[in-house]
Amino acid sequence: MATPALKNFLMLTTDAELAHKPALAVSVSASINGIYPISELRLTGSKNNHVCFLPDHLVFREVDKLFDANQPCLEEAMQSRSEYTIQLLAAYARALKPVHQDMLNAGKAFRYGM
């Protein structure tokens, strides 16, 4: 599951801080699992704060085998995927900046839904 601290943070933030800003869901797992926390965040993480989760996400599985003190990521495919996804997050941040500025006040009447 997603950590209680992160869930609490997302519940306490409002649209003033996060509306129409991109968020990248990342999960770290010691086993082959790791997708459930991302599913949970996508389901409930944007309620009342209107954060925009990217369609892409990162799942670092079997981290004991994936990372080493001498090398950032032992799996080249995961390293490439991570770099691409970070670039994607930066592109979304640039693209959504004017949306946040333009829509923040317009959306105040619909802060909590319909």
PDB file of N, CA and C in Angstrom:
ATOM      1  N   MET A   1       0.832  -1.186   0.000  1.00  0.00           N
ATOM      2  CA  MET A   1       0.000   0.000   0.000  1.00  0.00           C
ATOM      3  C   MET A   1       0.874   1.246   0.000  1.00  0.00           C
ATOM      4  N   ALA A   2       0.285   2.352  -0.398  1.00  0.00           N
ATOM      5  CA  ALA A   2       1.001   3.623  -0.351  1.00  0.00           C
ATOM      6  C   ALA A   2       1.253   3.981   1.112  1.00  0.00           C
ATOM      7  N   THR A   3       2.343   4.658   1.384  1.00  0.00           N
ATOM      8  CA  THR A   3       2.678   4.987   2.766  1.00  0.00           C
ATOM      9  C   THR A   3       1.646   5.939   3.363  1.00  0.00           C
ATOM     10  N   PRO A   4       1.323   5.768   4.641  1.00  0.00           N
ATOM     11  CA  PRO A   4       0.363   6.663   5.284  1.00  0.00           C
ATOM     12  C   PRO A   4       0.805   8.125   5.249  1.00  0.00           C
ATOM     13  N   ALA A   5       2.096   8.382   5.332  1.00  0.00           N
ATOM     14  CA  ALA A   5       2.577   9.768   5.297  1.00  0.00           C
ATOM     15  C   ALA A   5       2.253  10.423   3.952  1.00  0.00           C
ATOM     16  N   LEU A   6       2.455   9.698   2.867  1.00  0.00           N
ATOM     17  CA  LEU A   6       2.140  10.243   1.546  1.00  0.00           C
ATOM     18  C   LEU A   6       0.637  10.429   1.377  1.00  0.00           C
ATOM     19  N   LYS A   7      -0.140   9.446   1.795  1.00  0.00           N
ATOM     20  CA  LYS A   7      -1.595   9.559   1.698  1.00  0.00           C
ATOM     21  C   LYS A   7      -2.099  10.753   2.518  1.00  0.00           C
ATOM     22  N   ASN A   8      -1.558  10.932   3.714  1.00  0.00           N
ATOM     23  CA  ASN A   8      -1.939  12.051   4.569  1.00  0.00           C
ATOM     24  C   ASN A   8      -1.566  13.380   3.917  1.00  0.00           C
ATOM     25  N   PHE A   9      -0.368  13.444   3.337  1.00  0.00           N
ATOM     26  CA  PHE A   9       0.071  14.650   2.635  1.00  0.00           C
ATOM     27  C   PHE A   9      -0.910  15.005   1.518  1.00  0.00           C
ATOM     28  N   LEU A  10      -1.284  14.018   0.714  1.00  0.00           N
ATOM     29  CA  LEU A  10      -2.194  14.277  -0.398  1.00  0.00           C
ATOM     30  C   LEU A  10      -3.592  14.660   0.079  1.00  0.00           C
ATOM     31  N   MET A  11      -4.026  14.118   1.216  1.00  0.00           N
ATOM     32  CA  MET A  11      -5.343  14.482   1.748  1.00  0.00           C
ATOM     33  C   MET A  11      -5.347  15.896   2.326  1.00  0.00           C
ATOM     34  N   LEU A  12      -4.200  16.341   2.859  1.00  0.00           N
ATOM     35  CA  LEU A  12      -4.137  17.657   3.491  1.00  0.00           C
ATOM     36  C   LEU A  12      -3.836  18.788   2.521  1.00  0.00           C
ATOM     37  N   THR A  13      -3.318  18.464   1.339  1.00  0.00           N
ATOM     38  CA  THR A  13      -3.052  19.514   0.365  1.00  0.00           C
ATOM     39  C   THR A  13      -4.343  19.882  -0.353  1.00  0.00           C
ATOM     40  N   THR A  14      -4.371  21.098  -0.855  1.00  0.00           N
ATOM     41  CA  THR A  14      -5.560  21.570  -1.565  1.00  0.00           C
ATOM     42  C   THR A  14      -5.195  21.882  -3.007  1.00  0.00           C
ATOM     43  N   ASP A  15      -6.196  22.333  -3.748  1.00  0.00           N
ATOM     44  CA  ASP A  15      -5.942  22.701  -5.128  1.00  0.00           C
ATOM     45  C   ASP A  15      -4.976  23.889  -5.232  1.00  0.00           C
ATOM     46  N   ALA A  16      -4.909  24.721  -4.209  1.00  0.00           N
ATOM     47  CA  ALA A  16      -3.991  25.866  -4.237  1.00  0.00           C
ATOM     48  C   ALA A  16      -2.542  25.410  -4.407  1.00  0.00           C
ATOM     49  N   GLU A  17      -2.196  24.286  -3.814  1.00  0.00           N
ATOM     50  CA  GLU A  17      -0.820  23.795  -3.916  1.00  0.00           C
ATOM     51  C   GLU A  17      -0.601  22.887  -5.129  1.00  0.00           C
ATOM     52  N   LEU A  18      -1.554  22.026  -5.440  1.00  0.00           N
ATOM     53  CA  LEU A  18      -1.283  20.967  -6.406  1.00  0.00           C
ATOM     54  C   LEU A  18      -2.156  20.938  -7.652  1.00  0.00           C
ATOM     55  N   ALA A  19      -3.199  21.732  -7.743  1.00  0.00           N
ATOM     56  CA  ALA A  19      -4.111  21.625  -8.884  1.00  0.00           C
ATOM     57  C   ALA A  19      -3.384  21.807 -10.211  1.00  0.00           C
ATOM     58  N   HIS A  20      -3.609  20.869 -11.104  1.00  0.00           N
ATOM     59  CA  HIS A  20      -3.066  20.915 -12.456  1.00  0.00           C
ATOM     60  C   HIS A  20      -1.543  20.948 -12.480  1.00  0.00           C
ATOM     61  N   LYS A  21      -0.935  20.308 -11.504  1.00  0.00           N
ATOM     62  CA  LYS A  21       0.517  20.126 -11.485  1.00  0.00           C
ATOM     63  C   LYS A  21       0.795  18.634 -11.655  1.00  0.00           C
ATOM     64  N   PRO A  22       1.845  18.304 -12.396  1.00  0.00           N
ATOM     65  CA  PRO A  22       2.114  16.885 -12.657  1.00  0.00           C
ATOM     66  C   PRO A  22       2.736  16.186 -11.465  1.00  0.00           C
ATOM     67  N   ALA A  23       2.424  14.909 -11.340  1.00  0.00           N
ATOM     68  CA  ALA A  23       3.010  14.068 -10.292  1.00  0.00           C
ATOM     69  C   ALA A  23       3.385  12.734 -10.921  1.00  0.00           C
ATOM     70  N   LEU A  24       4.536  12.257 -10.572  1.00  0.00           N
ATOM     71  CA  LEU A  24       5.020  10.971 -11.066  1.00  0.00           C
ATOM     72  C   LEU A  24       4.899   9.951  -9.944  1.00  0.00           C
ATOM     73  N   ALA A  25       4.148   8.902 -10.183  1.00  0.00           N
ATOM     74  CA  ALA A  25       3.992   7.836  -9.195  1.00  0.00           C
ATOM     75  C   ALA A  25       5.177   6.884  -9.326  1.00  0.00           C
ATOM     76  N   VAL A  26       5.862   6.645  -8.210  1.00  0.00           N
ATOM     77  CA  VAL A  26       7.030   5.764  -8.175  1.00  0.00           C
ATOM     78  C   VAL A  26       6.852   4.788  -7.029  1.00  0.00           C
ATOM     79  N   SER A  27       7.127   3.533  -7.306  1.00  0.00           N
ATOM     80  CA  SER A  27       7.011   2.492  -6.291  1.00  0.00           C
ATOM     81  C   SER A  27       8.330   1.736  -6.193  1.00  0.00           C
ATOM     82  N   VAL A  28       8.704   1.376  -4.985  1.00  0.00           N
ATOM     83  CA  VAL A  28       9.926   0.614  -4.735  1.00  0.00           C
ATOM     84  C   VAL A  28       9.529  -0.645  -3.977  1.00  0.00           C
ATOM     85  N   SER A  29       9.974  -1.792  -4.477  1.00  0.00           N
ATOM     86  CA  SER A  29       9.593  -3.057  -3.870  1.00  0.00           C
ATOM     87  C   SER A  29      10.805  -3.983  -3.753  1.00  0.00           C
ATOM     88  N   ALA A  30      10.853  -4.728  -2.683  1.00  0.00           N
ATOM     89  CA  ALA A  30      11.923  -5.709  -2.495  1.00  0.00           C
ATOM     90  C   ALA A  30      11.621  -7.003  -3.252  1.00  0.00           C
ATOM     91  N   SER A  31      10.376  -7.141  -3.734  1.00  0.00           N
ATOM     92  CA  SER A  31       9.987  -8.354  -4.456  1.00  0.00           C
ATOM     93  C   SER A  31       9.563  -7.981  -5.870  1.00  0.00           C
ATOM     94  N   ILE A  32       8.827  -8.848  -6.506  1.00  0.00           N
ATOM     95  CA  ILE A  32       8.367  -8.626  -7.870  1.00  0.00           C
ATOM     96  C   ILE A  32       7.124  -7.735  -7.915  1.00  0.00           C
ATOM     97  N   ASN A  33       6.528  -7.449  -6.772  1.00  0.00           N
ATOM     98  CA  ASN A  33       5.314  -6.633  -6.709  1.00  0.00           C
ATOM     99  C   ASN A  33       5.648  -5.150  -6.829  1.00  0.00           C
ATOM    100  N   GLY A  34       4.709  -4.288  -6.487  1.00  0.00           N
ATOM    101  CA  GLY A  34       4.959  -2.860  -6.455  1.00  0.00           C
ATOM    102  C   GLY A  34       3.943  -2.018  -7.194  1.00  0.00           C
ATOM    103  N   ILE A  35       3.010  -2.631  -7.893  1.00  0.00           N
ATOM    104  CA  ILE A  35       2.049  -1.851  -8.660  1.00  0.00           C
ATOM    105  C   ILE A  35       0.854  -1.390  -7.813  1.00  0.00           C
ATOM    106  N   TYR A  36       0.538  -2.082  -6.742  1.00  0.00           N
ATOM    107  CA  TYR A  36      -0.641  -1.737  -5.935  1.00  0.00           C
ATOM    108  C   TYR A  36      -0.575  -0.347  -5.316  1.00  0.00           C
ATOM    109  N   PRO A  37       0.569   0.101  -4.799  1.00  0.00           N
ATOM    110  CA  PRO A  37       0.610   1.471  -4.268  1.00  0.00           C
ATOM    111  C   PRO A  37       0.323   2.523  -5.347  1.00  0.00           C
ATOM    112  N   ILE A  38       0.779   2.271  -6.566  1.00  0.00           N
ATOM    113  CA  ILE A  38       0.518   3.209  -7.655  1.00  0.00           C
ATOM    114  C   ILE A  38      -0.965   3.220  -7.994  1.00  0.00           C
ATOM    115  N   SER A  39      -1.573   2.050  -8.044  1.00  0.00           N
ATOM    116  CA  SER A  39      -3.011   1.971  -8.294  1.00  0.00           C
ATOM    117  C   SER A  39      -3.794   2.714  -7.219  1.00  0.00           C
ATOM    118  N   GLU A  40      -3.382   2.550  -5.979  1.00  0.00           N
ATOM    119  CA  GLU A  40      -4.049   3.222  -4.860  1.00  0.00           C
ATOM    120  C   GLU A  40      -3.923   4.740  -4.975  1.00  0.00           C
ATOM    121  N   LEU A  41      -2.732   5.216  -5.318  1.00  0.00           N
ATOM    122  CA  LEU A  41      -2.536   6.660  -5.468  1.00  0.00           C
ATOM    123  C   LEU A  41      -3.369   7.219  -6.610  1.00  0.00           C
ATOM    124  N   ARG A  42      -3.417   6.495  -7.722  1.00  0.00           N
ATOM    125  CA  ARG A  42      -4.212   6.962  -8.864  1.00  0.00           C
ATOM    126  C   ARG A  42      -5.701   7.008  -8.513  1.00  0.00           C
ATOM    127  N   LEU A  43      -6.137   6.101  -7.666  1.00  0.00           N
ATOM    128  CA  LEU A  43      -7.543   6.026  -7.302  1.00  0.00           C
ATOM    129  C   LEU A  43      -7.957   7.163  -6.364  1.00  0.00           C
ATOM    130  N   THR A  44      -7.143   7.459  -5.368  1.00  0.00           N
ATOM    131  CA  THR A  44      -7.567   8.406  -4.337  1.00  0.00           C
ATOM    132  C   THR A  44      -6.647   9.610  -4.162  1.00  0.00           C
ATOM    133  N   GLY A  45      -5.477   9.596  -4.761  1.00  0.00           N
ATOM    134  CA  GLY A  45      -4.471  10.623  -4.486  1.00  0.00           C
ATOM    135  C   GLY A  45      -4.792  12.014  -4.977  1.00  0.00           C
ATOM    136  N   SER A  46      -5.677  12.150  -5.970  1.00  0.00           N
ATOM    137  CA  SER A  46      -5.954  13.482  -6.509  1.00  0.00           C
ATOM    138  C   SER A  46      -7.270  14.077  -6.008  1.00  0.00           C
ATOM    139  N   LYS A  47      -7.933  13.383  -5.087  1.00  0.00           N
ATOM    140  CA  LYS A  47      -9.208  13.900  -4.574  1.00  0.00           C
ATOM    141  C   LYS A  47      -8.982  15.215  -3.831  1.00  0.00           C
ATOM    142  N   ASN A  48      -9.717  16.224  -4.233  1.00  0.00           N
ATOM    143  CA  ASN A  48      -9.719  17.564  -3.639  1.00  0.00           C
ATOM    144  C   ASN A  48      -8.451  18.374  -3.883  1.00  0.00           C
ATOM    145  N   ASN A  49      -7.371  17.778  -4.382  1.00  0.00           N
ATOM    146  CA  ASN A  49      -6.186  18.584  -4.666  1.00  0.00           C
ATOM    147  C   ASN A  49      -5.939  18.709  -6.167  1.00  0.00           C
ATOM    148  N   HIS A  50      -6.589  17.869  -6.961  1.00  0.00           N
ATOM    149  CA  HIS A  50      -6.571  17.938  -8.425  1.00  0.00           C
ATOM    150  C   HIS A  50      -5.175  17.823  -9.026  1.00  0.00           C
ATOM    151  N   VAL A  51      -4.305  17.097  -8.368  1.00  0.00           N
ATOM    152  CA  VAL A  51      -2.970  16.837  -8.924  1.00  0.00           C
ATOM    153  C   VAL A  51      -3.140  15.948 -10.159  1.00  0.00           C
ATOM    154  N   CYS A  52      -2.271  16.094 -11.122  1.00  0.00           N
ATOM    155  CA  CYS A  52      -2.346  15.324 -12.376  1.00  0.00           C
ATOM    156  C   CYS A  52      -1.258  14.254 -12.383  1.00  0.00           C
ATOM    157  N   PHE A  53      -1.648  13.022 -12.119  1.00  0.00           N
ATOM    158  CA  PHE A  53      -0.676  11.927 -12.196  1.00  0.00           C
ATOM    159  C   PHE A  53      -0.357  11.646 -13.656  1.00  0.00           C
ATOM    160  N   LEU A  54       0.911  11.527 -13.968  1.00  0.00           N
ATOM    161  CA  LEU A  54       1.320  11.193 -15.325  1.00  0.00           C
ATOM    162  C   LEU A  54       0.788   9.827 -15.704  1.00  0.00           C
ATOM    163  N   PRO A  55       0.522   9.616 -16.992  1.00  0.00           N
ATOM    164  CA  PRO A  55       0.080   8.283 -17.413  1.00  0.00           C
ATOM    165  C   PRO A  55       1.170   7.231 -17.204  1.00  0.00           C
ATOM    166  N   ASP A  56       2.419   7.641 -17.281  1.00  0.00           N
ATOM    167  CA  ASP A  56       3.535   6.732 -17.027  1.00  0.00           C
ATOM    168  C   ASP A  56       3.861   6.723 -15.539  1.00  0.00           C
ATOM    169  N   HIS A  57       4.501   5.672 -15.090  1.00  0.00           N
ATOM    170  CA  HIS A  57       4.941   5.566 -13.705  1.00  0.00           C
ATOM    171  C   HIS A  57       6.205   4.707 -13.679  1.00  0.00           C
ATOM    172  N   LEU A  58       6.857   4.658 -12.538  1.00  0.00           N
ATOM    173  CA  LEU A  58       8.053   3.837 -12.368  1.00  0.00           C
ATOM    174  C   LEU A  58       7.836   2.845 -11.234  1.00  0.00           C
ATOM    175  N   VAL A  59       8.210   1.604 -11.472  1.00  0.00           N
ATOM    176  CA  VAL A  59       8.166   0.573 -10.439  1.00  0.00           C
ATOM    177  C   VAL A  59       9.554  -0.053 -10.368  1.00  0.00           C
ATOM    178  N   PHE A  60      10.225   0.167  -9.271  1.00  0.00           N
ATOM    179  CA  PHE A  60      11.541  -0.429  -9.046  1.00  0.00           C
ATOM    180  C   PHE A  60      11.338  -1.724  -8.277  1.00  0.00           C
ATOM    181  N   ARG A  61      11.411  -2.835  -8.992  1.00  0.00           N
ATOM    182  CA  ARG A  61      11.196  -4.158  -8.392  1.00  0.00           C
ATOM    183  C   ARG A  61      12.537  -4.794  -8.049  1.00  0.00           C
ATOM    184  N   GLU A  62      12.510  -5.634  -7.012  1.00  0.00           N
ATOM    185  CA  GLU A  62      13.712  -6.357  -6.557  1.00  0.00           C
ATOM    186  C   GLU A  62      14.906  -5.400  -6.436  1.00  0.00           C
ATOM    187  N   VAL A  63      14.742  -4.387  -5.599  1.00  0.00           N
ATOM    188  CA  VAL A  63      15.745  -3.329  -5.492  1.00  0.00           C
ATOM    189  C   VAL A  63      17.098  -3.823  -4.994  1.00  0.00           C
ATOM    190  N   ASP A  64      17.122  -4.934  -4.273  1.00  0.00           N
ATOM    191  CA  ASP A  64      18.408  -5.471  -3.818  1.00  0.00           C
ATOM    192  C   ASP A  64      19.292  -5.853  -4.997  1.00  0.00           C
ATOM    193  N   LYS A  65      18.670  -6.262  -6.100  1.00  0.00           N
ATOM    194  CA  LYS A  65      19.410  -6.655  -7.292  1.00  0.00           C
ATOM    195  C   LYS A  65      19.573  -5.499  -8.282  1.00  0.00           C
ATOM    196  N   LEU A  66      18.831  -4.436  -8.072  1.00  0.00           N
ATOM    197  CA  LEU A  66      18.774  -3.346  -9.038  1.00  0.00           C
ATOM    198  C   LEU A  66      19.785  -2.239  -8.765  1.00  0.00           C
ATOM    199  N   PHE A  67      20.104  -2.025  -7.497  1.00  0.00           N
ATOM    200  CA  PHE A  67      21.002  -0.923  -7.153  1.00  0.00           C
ATOM    201  C   PHE A  67      22.237  -1.432  -6.428  1.00  0.00           C
ATOM    202  N   ASP A  68      23.307  -0.655  -6.588  1.00  0.00           N
ATOM    203  CA  ASP A  68      24.615  -1.002  -6.041  1.00  0.00           C
ATOM    204  C   ASP A  68      25.266   0.313  -5.617  1.00  0.00           C
ATOM    205  N   ALA A  69      26.119   0.284  -4.644  1.00  0.00           N
ATOM    206  CA  ALA A  69      26.771   1.504  -4.166  1.00  0.00           C
ATOM    207  C   ALA A  69      27.664   2.134  -5.233  1.00  0.00           C
ATOM    208  N   ASN A  70      28.166   1.334  -6.157  1.00  0.00           N
ATOM    209  CA  ASN A  70      29.098   1.844  -7.172  1.00  0.00           C
ATOM    210  C   ASN A  70      28.423   2.300  -8.462  1.00  0.00           C
ATOM    211  N   GLN A  71      27.204   1.881  -8.699  1.00  0.00           N
ATOM    212  CA  GLN A  71      26.520   2.192  -9.945  1.00  0.00           C
ATOM    213  C   GLN A  71      25.071   2.557  -9.633  1.00  0.00           C
ATOM    214  N   PRO A  72      24.561   3.663 -10.235  1.00  0.00           N
ATOM    215  CA  PRO A  72      23.200   4.089  -9.919  1.00  0.00           C
ATOM    216  C   PRO A  72      22.139   3.022 -10.177  1.00  0.00           C
ATOM    217  N   CYS A  73      22.214   2.341 -11.313  1.00  0.00           N
ATOM    218  CA  CYS A  73      21.219   1.327 -11.646  1.00  0.00           C
ATOM    219  C   CYS A  73      21.913   0.225 -12.442  1.00  0.00           C
ATOM    220  N   LEU A  74      21.807  -0.989 -11.969  1.00  0.00           N
ATOM    221  CA  LEU A  74      22.503  -2.105 -12.608  1.00  0.00           C
ATOM    222  C   LEU A  74      21.792  -2.591 -13.876  1.00  0.00           C
ATOM    223  N   GLU A  75      20.541  -2.256 -14.034  1.00  0.00           N
ATOM    224  CA  GLU A  75      19.780  -2.689 -15.200  1.00  0.00           C
ATOM    225  C   GLU A  75      19.659  -1.519 -16.174  1.00  0.00           C
ATOM    226  N   GLU A  76      20.275  -1.638 -17.321  1.00  0.00           N
ATOM    227  CA  GLU A  76      20.314  -0.543 -18.290  1.00  0.00           C
ATOM    228  C   GLU A  76      18.921  -0.131 -18.766  1.00  0.00           C
ATOM    229  N   ALA A  77      18.046  -1.098 -18.959  1.00  0.00           N
ATOM    230  CA  ALA A  77      16.686  -0.779 -19.409  1.00  0.00           C
ATOM    231  C   ALA A  77      15.950   0.076 -18.374  1.00  0.00           C
ATOM    232  N   MET A  78      16.114  -0.241 -17.100  1.00  0.00           N
ATOM    233  CA  MET A  78      15.445   0.533 -16.046  1.00  0.00           C
ATOM    234  C   MET A  78      16.064   1.925 -15.936  1.00  0.00           C
ATOM    235  N   GLN A  79      17.373   2.020 -16.104  1.00  0.00           N
ATOM    236  CA  GLN A  79      18.049   3.325 -16.088  1.00  0.00           C
ATOM    237  C   GLN A  79      17.518   4.204 -17.221  1.00  0.00           C
ATOM    238  N   SER A  80      17.407   3.647 -18.413  1.00  0.00           N
ATOM    239  CA  SER A  80      16.899   4.399 -19.565  1.00  0.00           C
ATOM    240  C   SER A  80      15.449   4.803 -19.352  1.00  0.00           C
ATOM    241  N   ARG A  81      14.659   3.879 -18.853  1.00  0.00           N
ATOM    242  CA  ARG A  81      13.248   4.170 -18.586  1.00  0.00           C
ATOM    243  C   ARG A  81      13.102   5.283 -17.558  1.00  0.00           C
ATOM    244  N   SER A  82      13.933   5.251 -16.528  1.00  0.00           N
ATOM    245  CA  SER A  82      13.885   6.289 -15.487  1.00  0.00           C
ATOM    246  C   SER A  82      14.246   7.657 -16.058  1.00  0.00           C
ATOM    247  N   GLU A  83      15.274   7.704 -16.867  1.00  0.00           N
ATOM    248  CA  GLU A  83      15.689   8.975 -17.473  1.00  0.00           C
ATOM    249  C   GLU A  83      14.596   9.526 -18.377  1.00  0.00           C
ATOM    250  N   TYR A  84      13.988   8.661 -19.184  1.00  0.00           N
ATOM    251  CA  TYR A  84      12.888   9.080 -20.051  1.00  0.00           C
ATOM    252  C   TYR A  84      11.726   9.622 -19.224  1.00  0.00           C
ATOM    253  N   THR A  85      11.357   8.926 -18.163  1.00  0.00           N
ATOM    254  CA  THR A  85      10.200   9.315 -17.370  1.00  0.00           C
ATOM    255  C   THR A  85      10.438  10.631 -16.640  1.00  0.00           C
ATOM    256  N   ILE A  86      11.662  10.882 -16.199  1.00  0.00           N
ATOM    257  CA  ILE A  86      11.997  12.165 -15.570  1.00  0.00           C
ATOM    258  C   ILE A  86      11.900  13.291 -16.599  1.00  0.00           C
ATOM    259  N   GLN A  87      12.353  13.032 -17.828  1.00  0.00           N
ATOM    260  CA  GLN A  87      12.210  14.035 -18.896  1.00  0.00           C
ATOM    261  C   GLN A  87      10.731  14.301 -19.183  1.00  0.00           C
ATOM    262  N   LEU A  88       9.938  13.246 -19.161  1.00  0.00           N
ATOM    263  CA  LEU A  88       8.499  13.387 -19.374  1.00  0.00           C
ATOM    264  C   LEU A  88       7.868  14.237 -18.271  1.00  0.00           C
ATOM    265  N   LEU A  89       8.258  14.011 -17.036  1.00  0.00           N
ATOM    266  CA  LEU A  89       7.752  14.810 -15.912  1.00  0.00           C
ATOM    267  C   LEU A  89       8.095  16.284 -16.107  1.00  0.00           C
ATOM    268  N   ALA A  90       9.312  16.569 -16.531  1.00  0.00           N
ATOM    269  CA  ALA A  90       9.726  17.959 -16.773  1.00  0.00           C
ATOM    270  C   ALA A  90       8.901  18.581 -17.901  1.00  0.00           C
ATOM    271  N   ALA A  91       8.630  17.816 -18.950  1.00  0.00           N
ATOM    272  CA  ALA A  91       7.817  18.325 -20.063  1.00  0.00           C
ATOM    273  C   ALA A  91       6.395  18.620 -19.605  1.00  0.00           C
ATOM    274  N   TYR A  92       5.818  17.730 -18.795  1.00  0.00           N
ATOM    275  CA  TYR A  92       4.476  17.972 -18.256  1.00  0.00           C
ATOM    276  C   TYR A  92       4.477  19.212 -17.364  1.00  0.00           C
ATOM    277  N   ALA A  93       5.509  19.397 -16.575  1.00  0.00           N
ATOM    278  CA  ALA A  93       5.580  20.564 -15.682  1.00  0.00           C
ATOM    279  C   ALA A  93       5.583  21.860 -16.490  1.00  0.00           C
ATOM    280  N   ARG A  94       6.350  21.891 -17.569  1.00  0.00           N
ATOM    281  CA  ARG A  94       6.373  23.082 -18.423  1.00  0.00           C
ATOM    282  C   ARG A  94       5.008  23.303 -19.083  1.00  0.00           C
ATOM    283  N   ALA A  95       4.400  22.231 -19.567  1.00  0.00           N
ATOM    284  CA  ALA A  95       3.131  22.354 -20.279  1.00  0.00           C
ATOM    285  C   ALA A  95       1.968  22.732 -19.354  1.00  0.00           C
ATOM    286  N   LEU A  96       1.977  22.236 -18.131  1.00  0.00           N
ATOM    287  CA  LEU A  96       0.857  22.476 -17.217  1.00  0.00           C
ATOM    288  C   LEU A  96       0.990  23.760 -16.396  1.00  0.00           C
ATOM    289  N   LYS A  97       2.144  24.394 -16.430  1.00  0.00           N
ATOM    290  CA  LYS A  97       2.324  25.619 -15.641  1.00  0.00           C
ATOM    291  C   LYS A  97       1.266  26.676 -15.971  1.00  0.00           C
ATOM    292  N   PRO A  98       1.013  26.995 -17.250  1.00  0.00           N
ATOM    293  CA  PRO A  98      -0.033  27.986 -17.519  1.00  0.00           C
ATOM    294  C   PRO A  98      -1.440  27.484 -17.187  1.00  0.00           C
ATOM    295  N   VAL A  99      -1.665  26.193 -17.265  1.00  0.00           N
ATOM    296  CA  VAL A  99      -2.976  25.643 -16.909  1.00  0.00           C
ATOM    297  C   VAL A  99      -3.235  25.870 -15.422  1.00  0.00           C
ATOM    298  N   HIS A 100      -2.237  25.605 -14.590  1.00  0.00           N
ATOM    299  CA  HIS A 100      -2.385  25.841 -13.148  1.00  0.00           C
ATOM    300  C   HIS A 100      -2.702  27.311 -12.886  1.00  0.00           C
ATOM    301  N   GLN A 101      -1.964  28.197 -13.518  1.00  0.00           N
ATOM    302  CA  GLN A 101      -2.168  29.629 -13.294  1.00  0.00           C
ATOM    303  C   GLN A 101      -3.540  30.091 -13.771  1.00  0.00           C
ATOM    304  N   ASP A 102      -3.970  29.610 -14.939  1.00  0.00           N
ATOM    305  CA  ASP A 102      -5.240  30.060 -15.513  1.00  0.00           C
ATOM    306  C   ASP A 102      -6.461  29.451 -14.828  1.00  0.00           C
ATOM    307  N   MET A 103      -6.355  28.208 -14.410  1.00  0.00           N
ATOM    308  CA  MET A 103      -7.540  27.491 -13.926  1.00  0.00           C
ATOM    309  C   MET A 103      -7.690  27.452 -12.415  1.00  0.00           C
ATOM    310  N   LEU A 104      -6.690  27.868 -11.672  1.00  0.00           N
ATOM    311  CA  LEU A 104      -6.764  27.779 -10.217  1.00  0.00           C
ATOM    312  C   LEU A 104      -7.961  28.546  -9.675  1.00  0.00           C
ATOM    313  N   ASN A 105      -8.097  29.808 -10.034  1.00  0.00           N
ATOM    314  CA  ASN A 105      -9.226  30.596  -9.529  1.00  0.00           C
ATOM    315  C   ASN A 105     -10.536  30.170 -10.160  1.00  0.00           C
ATOM    316  N   ALA A 106     -10.515  29.793 -11.431  1.00  0.00           N
ATOM    317  CA  ALA A 106     -11.743  29.372 -12.116  1.00  0.00           C
ATOM    318  C   ALA A 106     -12.322  28.105 -11.490  1.00  0.00           C
ATOM    319  N   GLY A 107     -11.472  27.246 -10.960  1.00  0.00           N
ATOM    320  CA  GLY A 107     -11.929  25.986 -10.397  1.00  0.00           C
ATOM    321  C   GLY A 107     -12.317  26.031  -8.930  1.00  0.00           C
ATOM    322  N   LYS A 108     -12.177  27.169  -8.281  1.00  0.00           N
ATOM    323  CA  LYS A 108     -12.481  27.262  -6.840  1.00  0.00           C
ATOM    324  C   LYS A 108     -13.916  26.830  -6.529  1.00  0.00           C
ATOM    325  N   ALA A 109     -14.848  27.145  -7.409  1.00  0.00           N
ATOM    326  CA  ALA A 109     -16.256  26.780  -7.161  1.00  0.00           C
ATOM    327  C   ALA A 109     -16.471  25.271  -7.218  1.00  0.00           C
ATOM    328  N   PHE A 110     -15.546  24.556  -7.832  1.00  0.00           N
ATOM    329  CA  PHE A 110     -15.681  23.114  -8.005  1.00  0.00           C
ATOM    330  C   PHE A 110     -14.571  22.367  -7.253  1.00  0.00           C
ATOM    331  N   ARG A 111     -14.089  22.967  -6.222  1.00  0.00           N
ATOM    332  CA  ARG A 111     -12.969  22.429  -5.450  1.00  0.00           C
ATOM    333  C   ARG A 111     -13.201  21.005  -4.981  1.00  0.00           C
ATOM    334  N   TYR A 112     -14.409  20.695  -4.535  1.00  0.00           N
ATOM    335  CA  TYR A 112     -14.695  19.373  -3.972  1.00  0.00           C
ATOM    336  C   TYR A 112     -15.603  18.526  -4.849  1.00  0.00           C
ATOM    337  N   GLY A 113     -15.613  18.790  -6.135  1.00  0.00           N
ATOM    338  CA  GLY A 113     -16.406  17.980  -7.043  1.00  0.00           C
ATOM    339  C   GLY A 113     -17.576  18.741  -7.610  1.00  0.00           C
ATOM    340  N   MET A 114     -18.610  18.014  -7.928  1.00  0.00           N
ATOM    341  CA  MET A 114     -19.760  18.588  -8.655  1.00  0.00           C
ATOM    342  C   MET A 114     -20.539  19.561  -7.824  1.00  0.00           C
TER     343      MET A 114
END
